[in-house]
Amino acid sequence: MRSLFGLIAVVVTATLYLYILSSHLPPGPQVTKQSNEENTDKSVDDNQQSEMETAAPSRLKFPSDLEELKEIAELLRFYKTEHTGYVLLLFCSAYLYKQAFAIPGSSFLNILAGALFGRWYGLLLACILTTVGATMCFLLSQAFGKQRIVRLFPDKVAMLQKKVEENRSSLFFFLLFLRFFPMSPNWFLNVTSPILNIPVTLFFMAVFIGLIPYNFICVQTGSMLSDISSLDDLLSWTVVLQLLLIACAALLPGALIRHYSSKHLHLDGLETNGLGKDKKER
């Protein structure tokens, strides 16, 4: 019971912090006027900007589809022109909140990282936040949720425990395989890893390396979408070549891991989406 209250306290504190951060946006950037004629419309522009700033807090939420993602990206790019630090803090806080509490939807935030921070900074940021957030989820599960996870998914936990012990001599590559070819959702691997006695340092490195292809695809997609203004841009040779390079870069590490796994790892019995059986039996 004490662990349950502790977890609730952590969730409530983190939620309150994120709510306060997202509800108190700084003043929007001032638009520089280029001529006297534009100055005559200054009051109108200021009123429109004031309305945008007033409406902004209510529009800040976790995106659930591409349309909401586009609106939030436009709003945050507006504030990023003069408040880069605030936008970075808000983005990192929201990302870690999702990862730490195993909330689905990280793909949207990865795409948003590409749209806001570009290809390479966005990729680095997404990889760091994914790893830190997953490690926070690991630690929360270790502190508060080990017994409940075992009670909720006994068969799945037992199967993973067996496979971890069989592959203990090549544990790092086994963990990489599970990230490249997820037999269970990433959130489930995060919360069960403490139960499986996986060292946190090994867990940290496996998440960082294993999710690079996934983060790469999402961030590159966000970066490309921010540069596309029409259907003609989407069908250009430049975009097609970029998509091909992204696909090759994402598939190559997975092919190498699968080649190693077929020779050195014991993978018999692993089933994709193995949570379904547990849920039906309960």
C-alpha atoms as a PDB file:
ATOM      1  CA  MET A   1       0.000   0.000   0.000  1.00  0.00           C
ATOM      2  CA  ARG A   2       2.887   2.340   0.797  1.00  0.00           C
ATOM      3  CA  SER A   3       4.325   1.836  -2.689  1.00  0.00           C
ATOM      4  CA  LEU A   4       0.962   2.680  -4.267  1.00  0.00           C
ATOM      5  CA  PHE A   5       0.731   5.971  -2.380  1.00  0.00           C
ATOM      6  CA  GLY A   6       4.322   6.750  -3.308  1.00  0.00           C
ATOM      7  CA  LEU A   7       3.625   6.189  -6.997  1.00  0.00           C
ATOM      8  CA  ILE A   8       0.479   8.332  -6.837  1.00  0.00           C
ATOM      9  CA  ALA A   9       2.464  11.114  -5.169  1.00  0.00           C
ATOM     10  CA  VAL A  10       5.101  11.017  -7.929  1.00  0.00           C
ATOM     11  CA  VAL A  11       2.456  11.062 -10.684  1.00  0.00           C
ATOM     12  CA  VAL A  12       0.522  13.938  -9.106  1.00  0.00           C
ATOM     13  CA  THR A  13       3.687  15.995  -8.547  1.00  0.00           C
ATOM     14  CA  ALA A  14       4.925  15.470 -12.099  1.00  0.00           C
ATOM     15  CA  THR A  15       1.485  16.242 -13.560  1.00  0.00           C
ATOM     16  CA  LEU A  16       1.191  19.450 -11.539  1.00  0.00           C
ATOM     17  CA  TYR A  17       4.664  20.565 -12.630  1.00  0.00           C
ATOM     18  CA  LEU A  18       3.896  19.924 -16.302  1.00  0.00           C
ATOM     19  CA  TYR A  19       0.534  21.694 -16.037  1.00  0.00           C
ATOM     20  CA  ILE A  20       2.078  24.801 -14.475  1.00  0.00           C
ATOM     21  CA  LEU A  21       4.873  24.840 -17.052  1.00  0.00           C
ATOM     22  CA  SER A  22       2.487  24.561 -20.005  1.00  0.00           C
ATOM     23  CA  SER A  23      -0.019  27.067 -18.588  1.00  0.00           C
ATOM     24  CA  HIS A  24       2.422  29.954 -18.087  1.00  0.00           C
ATOM     25  CA  LEU A  25       3.816  30.673 -21.514  1.00  0.00           C
ATOM     26  CA  PRO A  26       6.174  33.661 -21.755  1.00  0.00           C
ATOM     27  CA  PRO A  27       5.185  36.675 -23.892  1.00  0.00           C
ATOM     28  CA  GLY A  28       5.297  35.914 -27.605  1.00  0.00           C
ATOM     29  CA  PRO A  29       8.027  37.380 -29.810  1.00  0.00           C
ATOM     30  CA  GLN A  30       7.535  40.898 -31.105  1.00  0.00           C
ATOM     31  CA  VAL A  31       7.269  41.242 -34.865  1.00  0.00           C
ATOM     32  CA  THR A  32       9.645  43.884 -36.277  1.00  0.00           C
ATOM     33  CA  LYS A  33       7.924  46.390 -38.565  1.00  0.00           C
ATOM     34  CA  GLN A  34       9.604  47.134 -41.847  1.00  0.00           C
ATOM     35  CA  SER A  35       7.945  50.399 -42.909  1.00  0.00           C
ATOM     36  CA  ASN A  36       5.739  53.244 -41.790  1.00  0.00           C
ATOM     37  CA  GLU A  37       2.793  51.696 -43.603  1.00  0.00           C
ATOM     38  CA  GLU A  38       3.182  48.552 -41.558  1.00  0.00           C
ATOM     39  CA  ASN A  39       3.289  50.652 -38.394  1.00  0.00           C
ATOM     40  CA  THR A  40      -0.279  51.805 -39.072  1.00  0.00           C
ATOM     41  CA  ASP A  41      -1.401  48.213 -38.640  1.00  0.00           C
ATOM     42  CA  LYS A  42       0.611  47.683 -35.448  1.00  0.00           C
ATOM     43  CA  SER A  43      -2.362  47.845 -33.111  1.00  0.00           C
ATOM     44  CA  VAL A  44      -4.225  45.249 -35.165  1.00  0.00           C
ATOM     45  CA  ASP A  45      -1.219  42.925 -35.215  1.00  0.00           C
ATOM     46  CA  ASP A  46      -0.696  43.358 -31.474  1.00  0.00           C
ATOM     47  CA  ASN A  47      -4.333  42.457 -30.831  1.00  0.00           C
ATOM     48  CA  GLN A  48      -4.012  39.328 -32.976  1.00  0.00           C
ATOM     49  CA  GLN A  49      -0.783  38.364 -31.184  1.00  0.00           C
ATOM     50  CA  SER A  50      -2.440  38.955 -27.808  1.00  0.00           C
ATOM     51  CA  GLU A  51      -5.328  36.698 -28.795  1.00  0.00           C
ATOM     52  CA  MET A  52      -2.870  34.009 -29.878  1.00  0.00           C
ATOM     53  CA  GLU A  53      -1.005  34.218 -26.568  1.00  0.00           C
ATOM     54  CA  THR A  54      -4.290  34.028 -24.623  1.00  0.00           C
ATOM     55  CA  ALA A  55      -5.444  30.966 -26.521  1.00  0.00           C
ATOM     56  CA  ALA A  56      -2.047  29.279 -26.515  1.00  0.00           C
ATOM     57  CA  PRO A  57      -2.161  27.599 -23.059  1.00  0.00           C
ATOM     58  CA  SER A  58      -5.424  25.809 -23.881  1.00  0.00           C
ATOM     59  CA  ARG A  59      -3.922  24.515 -27.135  1.00  0.00           C
ATOM     60  CA  LEU A  60      -0.871  22.956 -25.513  1.00  0.00           C
ATOM     61  CA  LYS A  61      -1.578  19.273 -25.062  1.00  0.00           C
ATOM     62  CA  PHE A  62      -0.168  15.938 -26.115  1.00  0.00           C
ATOM     63  CA  PRO A  63      -0.944  15.496 -29.832  1.00  0.00           C
ATOM     64  CA  SER A  64      -3.144  12.557 -30.752  1.00  0.00           C
ATOM     65  CA  ASP A  65      -3.113  12.959 -34.533  1.00  0.00           C
ATOM     66  CA  LEU A  66      -1.139  14.721 -37.266  1.00  0.00           C
ATOM     67  CA  GLU A  67      -3.455  17.726 -37.368  1.00  0.00           C
ATOM     68  CA  GLU A  68      -2.923  18.473 -33.662  1.00  0.00           C
ATOM     69  CA  LEU A  69       0.792  17.816 -34.114  1.00  0.00           C
ATOM     70  CA  LYS A  70       0.959  20.409 -36.887  1.00  0.00           C
ATOM     71  CA  GLU A  71      -0.858  23.036 -34.775  1.00  0.00           C
ATOM     72  CA  ILE A  72       1.402  22.489 -31.761  1.00  0.00           C
ATOM     73  CA  ALA A  73       4.529  22.568 -33.936  1.00  0.00           C
ATOM     74  CA  GLU A  74       3.470  25.935 -35.415  1.00  0.00           C
ATOM     75  CA  LEU A  75       2.744  27.351 -31.972  1.00  0.00           C
ATOM     76  CA  LEU A  76       6.041  26.199 -30.462  1.00  0.00           C
ATOM     77  CA  ARG A  77       8.034  27.442 -33.467  1.00  0.00           C
ATOM     78  CA  PHE A  78       6.388  30.832 -32.890  1.00  0.00           C
ATOM     79  CA  TYR A  79       7.632  30.922 -29.287  1.00  0.00           C
ATOM     80  CA  LYS A  80      10.989  29.342 -30.117  1.00  0.00           C
ATOM     81  CA  THR A  81      12.121  32.445 -32.037  1.00  0.00           C
ATOM     82  CA  GLU A  82      12.699  34.298 -28.747  1.00  0.00           C
ATOM     83  CA  HIS A  83      12.196  31.663 -26.034  1.00  0.00           C
ATOM     84  CA  THR A  84      14.281  28.704 -27.182  1.00  0.00           C
ATOM     85  CA  GLY A  85      15.161  27.709 -23.626  1.00  0.00           C
ATOM     86  CA  TYR A  86      11.533  27.638 -22.527  1.00  0.00           C
ATOM     87  CA  VAL A  87      10.426  25.569 -25.533  1.00  0.00           C
ATOM     88  CA  LEU A  88      13.301  23.132 -24.945  1.00  0.00           C
ATOM     89  CA  LEU A  89      12.395  22.794 -21.248  1.00  0.00           C
ATOM     90  CA  LEU A  90       8.718  22.272 -22.052  1.00  0.00           C
ATOM     91  CA  PHE A  91       9.469  19.685 -24.734  1.00  0.00           C
ATOM     92  CA  CYS A  92      11.917  17.748 -22.530  1.00  0.00           C
ATOM     93  CA  SER A  93       9.504  17.783 -19.594  1.00  0.00           C
ATOM     94  CA  ALA A  94       6.601  16.509 -21.696  1.00  0.00           C
ATOM     95  CA  TYR A  95       8.752  13.797 -23.303  1.00  0.00           C
ATOM     96  CA  LEU A  96      10.110  12.530 -19.991  1.00  0.00           C
ATOM     97  CA  TYR A  97       6.599  12.565 -18.505  1.00  0.00           C
ATOM     98  CA  LYS A  98       5.334  10.281 -21.272  1.00  0.00           C
ATOM     99  CA  GLN A  99       8.300   7.931 -21.090  1.00  0.00           C
ATOM    100  CA  ALA A 100       8.517   7.731 -17.309  1.00  0.00           C
ATOM    101  CA  PHE A 101       4.845   6.810 -16.891  1.00  0.00           C
ATOM    102  CA  ALA A 102       4.695   4.512 -19.961  1.00  0.00           C
ATOM    103  CA  ILE A 103       2.172   6.668 -21.830  1.00  0.00           C
ATOM    104  CA  PRO A 104       1.876   5.750 -25.541  1.00  0.00           C
ATOM    105  CA  GLY A 105       2.534   8.354 -28.233  1.00  0.00           C
ATOM    106  CA  SER A 106       6.286   8.955 -28.226  1.00  0.00           C
ATOM    107  CA  SER A 107       6.317   8.790 -32.038  1.00  0.00           C
ATOM    108  CA  PHE A 108       4.430  12.098 -32.214  1.00  0.00           C
ATOM    109  CA  LEU A 109       6.964  13.738 -29.919  1.00  0.00           C
ATOM    110  CA  ASN A 110       9.847  12.363 -31.996  1.00  0.00           C
ATOM    111  CA  ILE A 111       8.265  13.882 -35.112  1.00  0.00           C
ATOM    112  CA  LEU A 112       7.813  17.136 -33.194  1.00  0.00           C
ATOM    113  CA  ALA A 113      11.513  17.054 -32.240  1.00  0.00           C
ATOM    114  CA  GLY A 114      12.439  16.954 -35.920  1.00  0.00           C
ATOM    115  CA  ALA A 115      10.064  19.789 -36.756  1.00  0.00           C
ATOM    116  CA  LEU A 116      11.318  22.017 -33.921  1.00  0.00           C
ATOM    117  CA  PHE A 117      15.028  21.273 -33.673  1.00  0.00           C
ATOM    118  CA  GLY A 118      15.988  19.872 -37.068  1.00  0.00           C
ATOM    119  CA  ARG A 119      17.413  16.533 -38.149  1.00  0.00           C
ATOM    120  CA  TRP A 120      20.533  16.022 -36.067  1.00  0.00           C
ATOM    121  CA  TYR A 121      19.792  18.060 -32.943  1.00  0.00           C
ATOM    122  CA  GLY A 122      16.315  16.541 -32.924  1.00  0.00           C
ATOM    123  CA  LEU A 123      17.716  13.022 -33.247  1.00  0.00           C
ATOM    124  CA  LEU A 124      20.244  13.548 -30.464  1.00  0.00           C
ATOM    125  CA  LEU A 125      17.565  15.040 -28.225  1.00  0.00           C
ATOM    126  CA  ALA A 126      15.099  12.229 -28.960  1.00  0.00           C
ATOM    127  CA  CYS A 127      17.709   9.532 -28.238  1.00  0.00           C
ATOM    128  CA  ILE A 128      18.729  11.127 -24.946  1.00  0.00           C
ATOM    129  CA  LEU A 129      15.148  11.717 -23.787  1.00  0.00           C
ATOM    130  CA  THR A 130      14.024   8.237 -24.818  1.00  0.00           C
ATOM    131  CA  THR A 131      16.847   6.682 -22.815  1.00  0.00           C
ATOM    132  CA  VAL A 132      16.487   8.885 -19.745  1.00  0.00           C
ATOM    133  CA  GLY A 133      12.690   8.528 -19.745  1.00  0.00           C
ATOM    134  CA  ALA A 134      12.868   4.736 -20.115  1.00  0.00           C
ATOM    135  CA  THR A 135      15.391   4.595 -17.269  1.00  0.00           C
ATOM    136  CA  MET A 136      13.052   6.670 -15.092  1.00  0.00           C
ATOM    137  CA  CYS A 137      10.277   4.166 -15.895  1.00  0.00           C
ATOM    138  CA  PHE A 138      12.693   1.360 -14.944  1.00  0.00           C
ATOM    139  CA  LEU A 139      13.422   3.011 -11.587  1.00  0.00           C
ATOM    140  CA  LEU A 140       9.755   3.738 -10.859  1.00  0.00           C
ATOM    141  CA  SER A 141       8.870   0.119 -11.554  1.00  0.00           C
ATOM    142  CA  GLN A 142      11.728  -1.036  -9.355  1.00  0.00           C
ATOM    143  CA  ALA A 143      10.567   1.181  -6.497  1.00  0.00           C
ATOM    144  CA  PHE A 144       6.793   0.875  -6.718  1.00  0.00           C
ATOM    145  CA  GLY A 145       5.460  -1.657  -9.205  1.00  0.00           C
ATOM    146  CA  LYS A 146       7.328  -4.993  -9.305  1.00  0.00           C
ATOM    147  CA  GLN A 147       4.706  -7.071  -7.506  1.00  0.00           C
ATOM    148  CA  ARG A 148       1.800  -5.534  -9.426  1.00  0.00           C
ATOM    149  CA  ILE A 149       3.435  -6.148 -12.812  1.00  0.00           C
ATOM    150  CA  VAL A 150       3.949  -9.821 -11.912  1.00  0.00           C
ATOM    151  CA  ARG A 151       0.311 -10.153 -10.820  1.00  0.00           C
ATOM    152  CA  LEU A 152      -1.008  -8.473 -13.972  1.00  0.00           C
ATOM    153  CA  PHE A 153       1.133 -10.351 -16.521  1.00  0.00           C
ATOM    154  CA  PRO A 154       2.403 -13.550 -14.868  1.00  0.00           C
ATOM    155  CA  ASP A 155       2.840 -15.629 -18.043  1.00  0.00           C
ATOM    156  CA  LYS A 156       4.549 -12.884 -20.012  1.00  0.00           C
ATOM    157  CA  VAL A 157       6.947 -12.054 -17.179  1.00  0.00           C
ATOM    158  CA  ALA A 158       7.772 -15.739 -16.701  1.00  0.00           C
ATOM    159  CA  MET A 159       8.478 -16.179 -20.414  1.00  0.00           C
ATOM    160  CA  LEU A 160      10.767 -13.133 -20.535  1.00  0.00           C
ATOM    161  CA  GLN A 161      12.532 -14.257 -17.363  1.00  0.00           C
ATOM    162  CA  LYS A 162      13.236 -17.645 -18.958  1.00  0.00           C
ATOM    163  CA  LYS A 163      14.623 -16.044 -22.135  1.00  0.00           C
ATOM    164  CA  VAL A 164      16.795 -13.614 -20.184  1.00  0.00           C
ATOM    165  CA  GLU A 165      18.350 -16.486 -18.247  1.00  0.00           C
ATOM    166  CA  GLU A 166      18.922 -18.484 -21.437  1.00  0.00           C
ATOM    167  CA  ASN A 167      20.677 -15.507 -23.039  1.00  0.00           C
ATOM    168  CA  ARG A 168      22.491 -14.250 -19.937  1.00  0.00           C
ATOM    169  CA  SER A 169      25.880 -14.740 -21.647  1.00  0.00           C
ATOM    170  CA  SER A 170      24.806 -12.453 -24.526  1.00  0.00           C
ATOM    171  CA  LEU A 171      22.349 -10.337 -22.577  1.00  0.00           C
ATOM    172  CA  PHE A 172      23.225  -7.007 -24.215  1.00  0.00           C
ATOM    173  CA  PHE A 173      22.598  -8.336 -27.729  1.00  0.00           C
ATOM    174  CA  PHE A 174      19.389 -10.009 -26.551  1.00  0.00           C
ATOM    175  CA  LEU A 175      18.164  -6.647 -25.227  1.00  0.00           C
ATOM    176  CA  LEU A 176      19.128  -4.983 -28.513  1.00  0.00           C
ATOM    177  CA  PHE A 177      17.167  -7.636 -30.390  1.00  0.00           C
ATOM    178  CA  LEU A 178      14.075  -6.925 -28.296  1.00  0.00           C
ATOM    179  CA  ARG A 179      14.351  -3.203 -29.117  1.00  0.00           C
ATOM    180  CA  PHE A 180      14.944  -3.697 -32.851  1.00  0.00           C
ATOM    181  CA  PHE A 181      12.279  -6.415 -33.178  1.00  0.00           C
ATOM    182  CA  PRO A 182       9.887  -5.818 -30.248  1.00  0.00           C
ATOM    183  CA  MET A 183       8.214  -9.064 -29.196  1.00  0.00           C
ATOM    184  CA  SER A 184       6.635  -6.976 -26.443  1.00  0.00           C
ATOM    185  CA  PRO A 185       5.866  -3.224 -26.350  1.00  0.00           C
ATOM    186  CA  ASN A 186       8.756  -1.004 -25.275  1.00  0.00           C
ATOM    187  CA  TRP A 187       6.836   0.209 -22.238  1.00  0.00           C
ATOM    188  CA  PHE A 188       6.431  -3.393 -21.060  1.00  0.00           C
ATOM    189  CA  LEU A 189      10.158  -4.049 -21.420  1.00  0.00           C
ATOM    190  CA  ASN A 190      10.815  -0.897 -19.373  1.00  0.00           C
ATOM    191  CA  VAL A 191       8.599  -1.887 -16.447  1.00  0.00           C
ATOM    192  CA  THR A 192       9.618  -5.569 -16.380  1.00  0.00           C
ATOM    193  CA  SER A 193      13.388  -5.106 -16.661  1.00  0.00           C
ATOM    194  CA  PRO A 194      13.852  -4.640 -12.879  1.00  0.00           C
ATOM    195  CA  ILE A 195      11.918  -7.869 -12.310  1.00  0.00           C
ATOM    196  CA  LEU A 196      14.219  -9.667 -14.758  1.00  0.00           C
ATOM    197  CA  ASN A 197      17.308  -8.497 -12.803  1.00  0.00           C
ATOM    198  CA  ILE A 198      18.707  -6.545 -15.752  1.00  0.00           C
ATOM    199  CA  PRO A 199      21.435  -4.105 -14.620  1.00  0.00           C
ATOM    200  CA  VAL A 200      20.370  -0.504 -15.090  1.00  0.00           C
ATOM    201  CA  THR A 201      23.589   0.405 -16.943  1.00  0.00           C
ATOM    202  CA  LEU A 202      23.027  -2.407 -19.462  1.00  0.00           C
ATOM    203  CA  PHE A 203      19.389  -1.386 -19.793  1.00  0.00           C
ATOM    204  CA  PHE A 204      20.415   2.240 -20.406  1.00  0.00           C
ATOM    205  CA  MET A 205      22.836   1.389 -23.219  1.00  0.00           C
ATOM    206  CA  ALA A 206      20.468  -1.094 -24.881  1.00  0.00           C
ATOM    207  CA  VAL A 207      17.671   1.498 -25.000  1.00  0.00           C
ATOM    208  CA  PHE A 208      19.945   4.239 -26.329  1.00  0.00           C
ATOM    209  CA  ILE A 209      21.381   2.117 -29.148  1.00  0.00           C
ATOM    210  CA  GLY A 210      18.373  -0.086 -29.831  1.00  0.00           C
ATOM    211  CA  LEU A 211      15.911   2.755 -30.417  1.00  0.00           C
ATOM    212  CA  ILE A 212      18.161   4.867 -32.667  1.00  0.00           C
ATOM    213  CA  PRO A 213      16.566   3.537 -35.908  1.00  0.00           C
ATOM    214  CA  TYR A 214      13.036   4.183 -34.641  1.00  0.00           C
ATOM    215  CA  ASN A 215      13.925   7.669 -33.395  1.00  0.00           C
ATOM    216  CA  PHE A 216      15.801   8.357 -36.625  1.00  0.00           C
ATOM    217  CA  ILE A 217      12.785   7.594 -38.812  1.00  0.00           C
ATOM    218  CA  CYS A 218      10.414   9.707 -36.692  1.00  0.00           C
ATOM    219  CA  VAL A 219      12.748  12.698 -36.366  1.00  0.00           C
ATOM    220  CA  GLN A 220      13.646  12.688 -40.052  1.00  0.00           C
ATOM    221  CA  THR A 221       9.948  12.544 -40.905  1.00  0.00           C
ATOM    222  CA  GLY A 222       9.286  15.577 -38.696  1.00  0.00           C
ATOM    223  CA  SER A 223      12.178  17.479 -40.234  1.00  0.00           C
ATOM    224  CA  MET A 224      10.950  16.718 -43.753  1.00  0.00           C
ATOM    225  CA  LEU A 225       7.344  17.594 -42.960  1.00  0.00           C
ATOM    226  CA  SER A 226       8.398  20.995 -41.662  1.00  0.00           C
ATOM    227  CA  ASP A 227      10.058  21.711 -45.034  1.00  0.00           C
ATOM    228  CA  ILE A 228       7.186  20.476 -47.222  1.00  0.00           C
ATOM    229  CA  SER A 229       4.686  23.136 -48.259  1.00  0.00           C
ATOM    230  CA  SER A 230       2.861  21.392 -51.129  1.00  0.00           C
ATOM    231  CA  LEU A 231       2.196  18.007 -52.716  1.00  0.00           C
ATOM    232  CA  ASP A 232       4.793  18.769 -55.395  1.00  0.00           C
ATOM    233  CA  ASP A 233       7.465  18.995 -52.687  1.00  0.00           C
ATOM    234  CA  LEU A 234       6.410  15.596 -51.353  1.00  0.00           C
ATOM    235  CA  LEU A 235       6.843  13.984 -54.793  1.00  0.00           C
ATOM    236  CA  SER A 236      10.206  15.577 -55.585  1.00  0.00           C
ATOM    237  CA  TRP A 237      13.298  13.457 -56.234  1.00  0.00           C
ATOM    238  CA  THR A 238      15.031  14.997 -53.236  1.00  0.00           C
ATOM    239  CA  VAL A 239      12.334  13.793 -50.841  1.00  0.00           C
ATOM    240  CA  VAL A 240      12.191  10.335 -52.470  1.00  0.00           C
ATOM    241  CA  LEU A 241      15.971   9.912 -52.129  1.00  0.00           C
ATOM    242  CA  GLN A 242      15.822  11.051 -48.507  1.00  0.00           C
ATOM    243  CA  LEU A 243      13.134   8.454 -47.775  1.00  0.00           C
ATOM    244  CA  LEU A 244      15.244   5.721 -49.385  1.00  0.00           C
ATOM    245  CA  LEU A 245      18.303   6.713 -47.352  1.00  0.00           C
ATOM    246  CA  ILE A 246      16.243   6.772 -44.160  1.00  0.00           C
ATOM    247  CA  ALA A 247      14.899   3.291 -44.900  1.00  0.00           C
ATOM    248  CA  CYS A 248      18.382   1.898 -45.602  1.00  0.00           C
ATOM    249  CA  ALA A 249      19.881   3.513 -42.499  1.00  0.00           C
ATOM    250  CA  ALA A 250      17.098   2.112 -40.316  1.00  0.00           C
ATOM    251  CA  LEU A 251      17.154  -1.414 -41.783  1.00  0.00           C
ATOM    252  CA  LEU A 252      20.923  -2.002 -41.732  1.00  0.00           C
ATOM    253  CA  PRO A 253      21.409  -2.183 -37.920  1.00  0.00           C
ATOM    254  CA  GLY A 254      18.381  -4.445 -37.639  1.00  0.00           C
ATOM    255  CA  ALA A 255      19.748  -6.799 -40.295  1.00  0.00           C
ATOM    256  CA  LEU A 256      23.086  -7.050 -38.462  1.00  0.00           C
ATOM    257  CA  ILE A 257      21.395  -7.750 -35.129  1.00  0.00           C
ATOM    258  CA  ARG A 258      19.141 -10.409 -36.683  1.00  0.00           C
ATOM    259  CA  HIS A 259      22.173 -12.094 -38.289  1.00  0.00           C
ATOM    260  CA  TYR A 260      23.951 -12.205 -34.932  1.00  0.00           C
ATOM    261  CA  SER A 261      20.785 -13.316 -33.112  1.00  0.00           C
ATOM    262  CA  SER A 262      20.152 -16.277 -35.404  1.00  0.00           C
ATOM    263  CA  LYS A 263      23.570 -17.689 -34.465  1.00  0.00           C
ATOM    264  CA  HIS A 264      24.029 -16.783 -30.821  1.00  0.00           C
ATOM    265  CA  LEU A 265      20.656 -16.136 -29.135  1.00  0.00           C
ATOM    266  CA  HIS A 266      17.926 -18.494 -27.936  1.00  0.00           C
ATOM    267  CA  LEU A 267      14.693 -16.990 -29.265  1.00  0.00           C
ATOM    268  CA  ASP A 268      12.336 -19.968 -29.470  1.00  0.00           C
ATOM    269  CA  GLY A 269       9.018 -19.261 -27.780  1.00  0.00           C
ATOM    270  CA  LEU A 270       9.071 -15.499 -28.146  1.00  0.00           C
ATOM    271  CA  GLU A 271       5.788 -14.329 -29.650  1.00  0.00           C
ATOM    272  CA  THR A 272       4.952 -10.925 -31.049  1.00  0.00           C
ATOM    273  CA  ASN A 273       2.488  -9.002 -28.869  1.00  0.00           C
ATOM    274  CA  GLY A 274       2.575 -11.637 -26.179  1.00  0.00           C
ATOM    275  CA  LEU A 275       0.438  -9.518 -23.860  1.00  0.00           C
ATOM    276  CA  GLY A 276      -2.746 -10.623 -25.536  1.00  0.00           C
ATOM    277  CA  LYS A 277      -2.801 -14.044 -23.867  1.00  0.00           C
ATOM    278  CA  ASP A 278      -2.363 -12.619 -20.386  1.00  0.00           C
ATOM    279  CA  LYS A 279      -5.179 -10.142 -20.868  1.00  0.00           C
ATOM    280  CA  LYS A 280      -7.622 -12.777 -22.123  1.00  0.00           C
ATOM    281  CA  GLU A 281      -6.893 -15.121 -19.249  1.00  0.00           C
ATOM    282  CA  ARG A 282      -7.504 -12.498 -16.589  1.00  0.00           C
END
